[in-house]
Amino acid sequence: MSEFLYREVKGTDVGDIAKLKGYLVSKEVLFKIGTLNGIAAKMHLGSALKLKDVENNKKIISDVVESIIGAIYLLKGFGEARKFVLAIFEPDFEDVKSRKDFGDYKSELQIKVLGETGVLPEYRVVRTEGKEHSKVFYVDVILKADLAGQGSGKTIKEAEQMAARQAIEKLLKEEKK
């Protein structure tokens, strides 16, 4: 990823390159690649897992794609792993050149708030719901002791991103006033 981004997006701000890299190696992109390539159907599953449980599970599919890349690297070396990555990520590399929003709201909020106030946002898990395997996390983001946004998600990270997104939207509305 780093090599591709260095070569293809020269002249881009370092922060934007970090966002691009974060997007490309995200669970969502790896899941999409795994789904498009029918990874779930090619997996050998133990008796505890069924295909229907695996094929829509972003964590499992994205982890398997990442593991395949690692296995190619270990068995065939960097050159073959590079060729494989360039091939499977090709549509996403094309997307990256035109895309502006990579869903990294936490970084965006941090840059915005730190630059304006010198204070970092604080994230707090306020509650969880559901059984262990299907929890929903609820997170508040606090700016200067005030509630700035709330979010929920299947992971704490996802809930934090949603809270940061809401905080950014509020800040933008306030700026327009």
C-alpha atoms as a PDB file:
ATOM      1  CA  MET A   1       0.000   0.000   0.000  1.00  0.00           C
ATOM      2  CA  SER A   2       2.673   2.442   1.027  1.00  0.00           C
ATOM      3  CA  GLU A   3       4.638   1.866  -2.171  1.00  0.00           C
ATOM      4  CA  PHE A   4       1.551   2.350  -4.354  1.00  0.00           C
ATOM      5  CA  LEU A   5       0.520   5.526  -2.549  1.00  0.00           C
ATOM      6  CA  TYR A   6       4.042   6.951  -2.650  1.00  0.00           C
ATOM      7  CA  ARG A   7       4.236   6.330  -6.407  1.00  0.00           C
ATOM      8  CA  GLU A   8       0.681   7.291  -7.417  1.00  0.00           C
ATOM      9  CA  VAL A   9      -0.360  10.191  -5.210  1.00  0.00           C
ATOM     10  CA  LYS A  10       2.766  12.344  -5.220  1.00  0.00           C
ATOM     11  CA  GLY A  11       2.250  15.874  -4.020  1.00  0.00           C
ATOM     12  CA  THR A  12      -0.549  14.818  -1.665  1.00  0.00           C
ATOM     13  CA  ASP A  13      -0.526  15.918   1.955  1.00  0.00           C
ATOM     14  CA  VAL A  14       0.911  13.300   4.349  1.00  0.00           C
ATOM     15  CA  GLY A  15      -2.313  13.309   6.387  1.00  0.00           C
ATOM     16  CA  ASP A  16      -4.337  12.575   3.245  1.00  0.00           C
ATOM     17  CA  ILE A  17      -1.975   9.735   2.319  1.00  0.00           C
ATOM     18  CA  ALA A  18      -2.474   8.247   5.788  1.00  0.00           C
ATOM     19  CA  LYS A  19      -6.252   8.456   5.262  1.00  0.00           C
ATOM     20  CA  LEU A  20      -5.916   6.775   1.861  1.00  0.00           C
ATOM     21  CA  LYS A  21      -3.851   3.975   3.350  1.00  0.00           C
ATOM     22  CA  GLY A  22      -6.283   3.569   6.230  1.00  0.00           C
ATOM     23  CA  TYR A  23      -9.145   3.320   3.768  1.00  0.00           C
ATOM     24  CA  LEU A  24      -7.395   0.788   1.522  1.00  0.00           C
ATOM     25  CA  VAL A  25      -6.499  -1.578   4.359  1.00  0.00           C
ATOM     26  CA  SER A  26      -9.837  -1.144   6.136  1.00  0.00           C
ATOM     27  CA  LYS A  27     -12.100  -4.019   7.052  1.00  0.00           C
ATOM     28  CA  GLU A  28     -14.686  -2.717   4.558  1.00  0.00           C
ATOM     29  CA  VAL A  29     -12.335  -2.781   1.555  1.00  0.00           C
ATOM     30  CA  LEU A  30     -10.852  -6.170   2.505  1.00  0.00           C
ATOM     31  CA  PHE A  31     -14.384  -7.548   2.987  1.00  0.00           C
ATOM     32  CA  LYS A  32     -15.419  -6.243  -0.437  1.00  0.00           C
ATOM     33  CA  ILE A  33     -12.367  -7.866  -2.044  1.00  0.00           C
ATOM     34  CA  GLY A  34     -13.071 -11.136  -0.242  1.00  0.00           C
ATOM     35  CA  THR A  35     -16.725 -11.073  -1.271  1.00  0.00           C
ATOM     36  CA  LEU A  36     -15.973 -10.254  -4.917  1.00  0.00           C
ATOM     37  CA  ASN A  37     -13.511 -13.141  -5.030  1.00  0.00           C
ATOM     38  CA  GLY A  38     -15.828 -15.656  -3.333  1.00  0.00           C
ATOM     39  CA  ILE A  39     -13.486 -16.265  -0.400  1.00  0.00           C
ATOM     40  CA  ALA A  40     -16.216 -17.650   1.890  1.00  0.00           C
ATOM     41  CA  ALA A  41     -17.123 -20.429  -0.520  1.00  0.00           C
ATOM     42  CA  LYS A  42     -13.457 -21.480  -0.771  1.00  0.00           C
ATOM     43  CA  MET A  43     -12.892 -21.677   2.977  1.00  0.00           C
ATOM     44  CA  HIS A  44     -12.818 -24.964   4.867  1.00  0.00           C
ATOM     45  CA  LEU A  45     -15.065 -24.419   7.866  1.00  0.00           C
ATOM     46  CA  GLY A  46     -15.185 -26.331  11.111  1.00  0.00           C
ATOM     47  CA  SER A  47     -18.424 -27.807  12.399  1.00  0.00           C
ATOM     48  CA  ALA A  48     -19.158 -24.721  14.531  1.00  0.00           C
ATOM     49  CA  LEU A  49     -19.369 -22.379  11.532  1.00  0.00           C
ATOM     50  CA  LYS A  50     -21.767 -22.447   8.603  1.00  0.00           C
ATOM     51  CA  LEU A  51     -21.201 -20.708   5.260  1.00  0.00           C
ATOM     52  CA  LYS A  52     -24.120 -18.341   5.859  1.00  0.00           C
ATOM     53  CA  ASP A  53     -22.497 -17.257   9.162  1.00  0.00           C
ATOM     54  CA  VAL A  54     -19.187 -16.513   7.463  1.00  0.00           C
ATOM     55  CA  GLU A  55     -20.040 -14.960   4.102  1.00  0.00           C
ATOM     56  CA  ASN A  56     -21.497 -11.768   5.628  1.00  0.00           C
ATOM     57  CA  ASN A  57     -19.065 -11.514   8.527  1.00  0.00           C
ATOM     58  CA  LYS A  58     -16.772  -8.572   7.706  1.00  0.00           C
ATOM     59  CA  LYS A  59     -14.221  -9.466  10.365  1.00  0.00           C
ATOM     60  CA  ILE A  60     -13.744 -13.068   9.266  1.00  0.00           C
ATOM     61  CA  ILE A  61     -13.636 -12.332   5.529  1.00  0.00           C
ATOM     62  CA  SER A  62     -11.306  -9.333   5.902  1.00  0.00           C
ATOM     63  CA  ASP A  63      -9.005 -11.334   8.214  1.00  0.00           C
ATOM     64  CA  VAL A  64      -8.869 -14.191   5.681  1.00  0.00           C
ATOM     65  CA  VAL A  65      -7.944 -11.806   2.830  1.00  0.00           C
ATOM     66  CA  GLU A  66      -5.212 -10.313   4.991  1.00  0.00           C
ATOM     67  CA  SER A  67      -3.994 -13.822   5.900  1.00  0.00           C
ATOM     68  CA  ILE A  68      -3.837 -14.842   2.237  1.00  0.00           C
ATOM     69  CA  ILE A  69      -1.655 -11.816   1.468  1.00  0.00           C
ATOM     70  CA  GLY A  70       0.598 -12.714   4.419  1.00  0.00           C
ATOM     71  CA  ALA A  71       0.826 -16.348   3.317  1.00  0.00           C
ATOM     72  CA  ILE A  72       1.825 -15.358  -0.222  1.00  0.00           C
ATOM     73  CA  TYR A  73       4.489 -13.082   1.215  1.00  0.00           C
ATOM     74  CA  LEU A  74       5.878 -15.816   3.470  1.00  0.00           C
ATOM     75  CA  LEU A  75       5.753 -18.556   0.817  1.00  0.00           C
ATOM     76  CA  LYS A  76       6.616 -16.641  -2.360  1.00  0.00           C
ATOM     77  CA  GLY A  77       8.291 -13.441  -1.223  1.00  0.00           C
ATOM     78  CA  PHE A  78       7.654  -9.746  -1.513  1.00  0.00           C
ATOM     79  CA  GLY A  79       7.547  -9.621  -5.326  1.00  0.00           C
ATOM     80  CA  GLU A  80       4.714 -12.150  -5.629  1.00  0.00           C
ATOM     81  CA  ALA A  81       2.811 -10.609  -2.708  1.00  0.00           C
ATOM     82  CA  ARG A  82       3.145  -7.195  -4.386  1.00  0.00           C
ATOM     83  CA  LYS A  83       1.758  -8.548  -7.688  1.00  0.00           C
ATOM     84  CA  PHE A  84      -1.150 -10.176  -5.865  1.00  0.00           C
ATOM     85  CA  VAL A  85      -1.993  -7.028  -3.885  1.00  0.00           C
ATOM     86  CA  LEU A  86      -1.824  -4.841  -6.994  1.00  0.00           C
ATOM     87  CA  ALA A  87      -4.166  -7.234  -8.805  1.00  0.00           C
ATOM     88  CA  ILE A  88      -6.817  -7.612  -6.109  1.00  0.00           C
ATOM     89  CA  PHE A  89      -6.800  -3.937  -5.125  1.00  0.00           C
ATOM     90  CA  GLU A  90      -6.812  -2.550  -8.674  1.00  0.00           C
ATOM     91  CA  PRO A  91     -10.437  -1.264  -8.625  1.00  0.00           C
ATOM     92  CA  ASP A  92      -9.847   0.323  -5.218  1.00  0.00           C
ATOM     93  CA  PHE A  93      -6.643   2.003  -6.395  1.00  0.00           C
ATOM     94  CA  GLU A  94      -8.654   3.641  -9.184  1.00  0.00           C
ATOM     95  CA  ASP A  95     -11.279   4.751  -6.615  1.00  0.00           C
ATOM     96  CA  VAL A  96      -8.621   6.288  -4.396  1.00  0.00           C
ATOM     97  CA  LYS A  97      -7.524   8.769  -7.034  1.00  0.00           C
ATOM     98  CA  SER A  98     -10.920  10.510  -7.071  1.00  0.00           C
ATOM     99  CA  ARG A  99     -12.344   9.832  -3.629  1.00  0.00           C
ATOM    100  CA  LYS A 100     -12.251  12.501  -0.939  1.00  0.00           C
ATOM    101  CA  ASP A 101     -14.224  11.039   1.998  1.00  0.00           C
ATOM    102  CA  PHE A 102     -12.618   7.956   3.507  1.00  0.00           C
ATOM    103  CA  GLY A 103     -14.757   7.772   6.612  1.00  0.00           C
ATOM    104  CA  ASP A 104     -11.938   8.600   9.026  1.00  0.00           C
ATOM    105  CA  TYR A 105     -13.980  11.060  11.033  1.00  0.00           C
ATOM    106  CA  LYS A 106     -11.894  10.634  14.198  1.00  0.00           C
ATOM    107  CA  SER A 107      -8.747  11.892  12.454  1.00  0.00           C
ATOM    108  CA  GLU A 108     -10.660  14.709  10.791  1.00  0.00           C
ATOM    109  CA  LEU A 109     -12.184  15.796  14.109  1.00  0.00           C
ATOM    110  CA  GLN A 110      -8.854  15.553  15.905  1.00  0.00           C
ATOM    111  CA  ILE A 111      -7.089  17.724  13.306  1.00  0.00           C
ATOM    112  CA  LYS A 112      -9.899  20.279  13.308  1.00  0.00           C
ATOM    113  CA  VAL A 113     -10.281  20.535  17.084  1.00  0.00           C
ATOM    114  CA  LEU A 114      -6.585  20.369  17.922  1.00  0.00           C
ATOM    115  CA  GLY A 115      -5.864  23.164  15.447  1.00  0.00           C
ATOM    116  CA  GLU A 116      -8.623  25.397  16.826  1.00  0.00           C
ATOM    117  CA  THR A 117      -8.521  24.672  20.558  1.00  0.00           C
ATOM    118  CA  GLY A 118      -5.344  22.726  21.302  1.00  0.00           C
ATOM    119  CA  VAL A 119      -7.452  20.079  23.075  1.00  0.00           C
ATOM    120  CA  LEU A 120      -7.989  16.494  21.904  1.00  0.00           C
ATOM    121  CA  PRO A 121     -11.485  14.966  21.711  1.00  0.00           C
ATOM    122  CA  GLU A 122     -12.274  12.459  24.444  1.00  0.00           C
ATOM    123  CA  TYR A 123     -14.274   9.311  23.652  1.00  0.00           C
ATOM    124  CA  ARG A 124     -16.338   7.519  26.312  1.00  0.00           C
ATOM    125  CA  VAL A 125     -18.197   4.236  25.977  1.00  0.00           C
ATOM    126  CA  VAL A 126     -21.460   5.095  27.731  1.00  0.00           C
ATOM    127  CA  ARG A 127     -23.196   1.734  27.399  1.00  0.00           C
ATOM    128  CA  THR A 128     -23.338  -1.570  25.576  1.00  0.00           C
ATOM    129  CA  GLU A 129     -26.312  -3.693  24.595  1.00  0.00           C
ATOM    130  CA  GLY A 130     -26.727  -7.224  23.349  1.00  0.00           C
ATOM    131  CA  LYS A 131     -25.109 -10.587  23.819  1.00  0.00           C
ATOM    132  CA  GLU A 132     -21.342 -11.046  23.743  1.00  0.00           C
ATOM    133  CA  HIS A 133     -21.240 -12.043  20.050  1.00  0.00           C
ATOM    134  CA  SER A 134     -23.608  -9.286  18.862  1.00  0.00           C
ATOM    135  CA  LYS A 135     -22.991  -6.263  21.061  1.00  0.00           C
ATOM    136  CA  VAL A 136     -23.809  -2.691  20.158  1.00  0.00           C
ATOM    137  CA  PHE A 137     -21.550  -0.028  21.646  1.00  0.00           C
ATOM    138  CA  TYR A 138     -22.678   3.535  22.384  1.00  0.00           C
ATOM    139  CA  VAL A 139     -20.007   6.230  22.537  1.00  0.00           C
ATOM    140  CA  ASP A 140     -20.011   9.947  23.363  1.00  0.00           C
ATOM    141  CA  VAL A 141     -17.315  12.326  22.145  1.00  0.00           C
ATOM    142  CA  ILE A 142     -16.510  15.177  24.513  1.00  0.00           C
ATOM    143  CA  LEU A 143     -14.930  18.474  23.446  1.00  0.00           C
ATOM    144  CA  LYS A 144     -13.890  20.883  26.193  1.00  0.00           C
ATOM    145  CA  ALA A 145     -16.184  19.160  28.733  1.00  0.00           C
ATOM    146  CA  ASP A 146     -19.213  19.402  26.385  1.00  0.00           C
ATOM    147  CA  LEU A 147     -20.997  16.559  24.615  1.00  0.00           C
ATOM    148  CA  ALA A 148     -20.150  17.065  20.934  1.00  0.00           C
ATOM    149  CA  GLY A 149     -21.483  13.870  19.362  1.00  0.00           C
ATOM    150  CA  GLN A 150     -22.889  10.424  19.959  1.00  0.00           C
ATOM    151  CA  GLY A 151     -22.527   7.254  17.961  1.00  0.00           C
ATOM    152  CA  SER A 152     -23.237   3.562  18.007  1.00  0.00           C
ATOM    153  CA  GLY A 153     -21.768   0.565  16.252  1.00  0.00           C
ATOM    154  CA  LYS A 154     -20.887  -3.116  16.361  1.00  0.00           C
ATOM    155  CA  THR A 155     -17.391  -2.208  17.552  1.00  0.00           C
ATOM    156  CA  ILE A 156     -16.088   0.570  19.775  1.00  0.00           C
ATOM    157  CA  LYS A 157     -14.080   1.921  16.842  1.00  0.00           C
ATOM    158  CA  GLU A 158     -17.188   2.085  14.644  1.00  0.00           C
ATOM    159  CA  ALA A 159     -19.156   3.837  17.415  1.00  0.00           C
ATOM    160  CA  GLU A 160     -16.316   6.342  17.899  1.00  0.00           C
ATOM    161  CA  GLN A 161     -16.282   7.080  14.162  1.00  0.00           C
ATOM    162  CA  MET A 162     -20.041   7.731  14.199  1.00  0.00           C
ATOM    163  CA  ALA A 163     -19.722  10.009  17.243  1.00  0.00           C
ATOM    164  CA  ALA A 164     -16.886  11.932  15.562  1.00  0.00           C
ATOM    165  CA  ARG A 165     -18.943  12.250  12.378  1.00  0.00           C
ATOM    166  CA  GLN A 166     -21.851  13.748  14.337  1.00  0.00           C
ATOM    167  CA  ALA A 167     -19.467  16.144  16.111  1.00  0.00           C
ATOM    168  CA  ILE A 168     -18.013  17.309  12.779  1.00  0.00           C
ATOM    169  CA  GLU A 169     -21.507  17.868  11.367  1.00  0.00           C
ATOM    170  CA  LYS A 170     -22.427  19.964  14.445  1.00  0.00           C
ATOM    171  CA  LEU A 171     -19.242  21.997  14.154  1.00  0.00           C
ATOM    172  CA  LEU A 172     -19.853  22.668  10.467  1.00  0.00           C
ATOM    173  CA  LYS A 173     -23.415  23.827  11.195  1.00  0.00           C
ATOM    174  CA  GLU A 174     -22.133  26.156  13.924  1.00  0.00           C
ATOM    175  CA  GLU A 175     -19.523  27.605  11.544  1.00  0.00           C
ATOM    176  CA  LYS A 176     -22.231  28.414   8.977  1.00  0.00           C
ATOM    177  CA  LYS A 177     -24.205  30.456  11.534  1.00  0.00           C
END
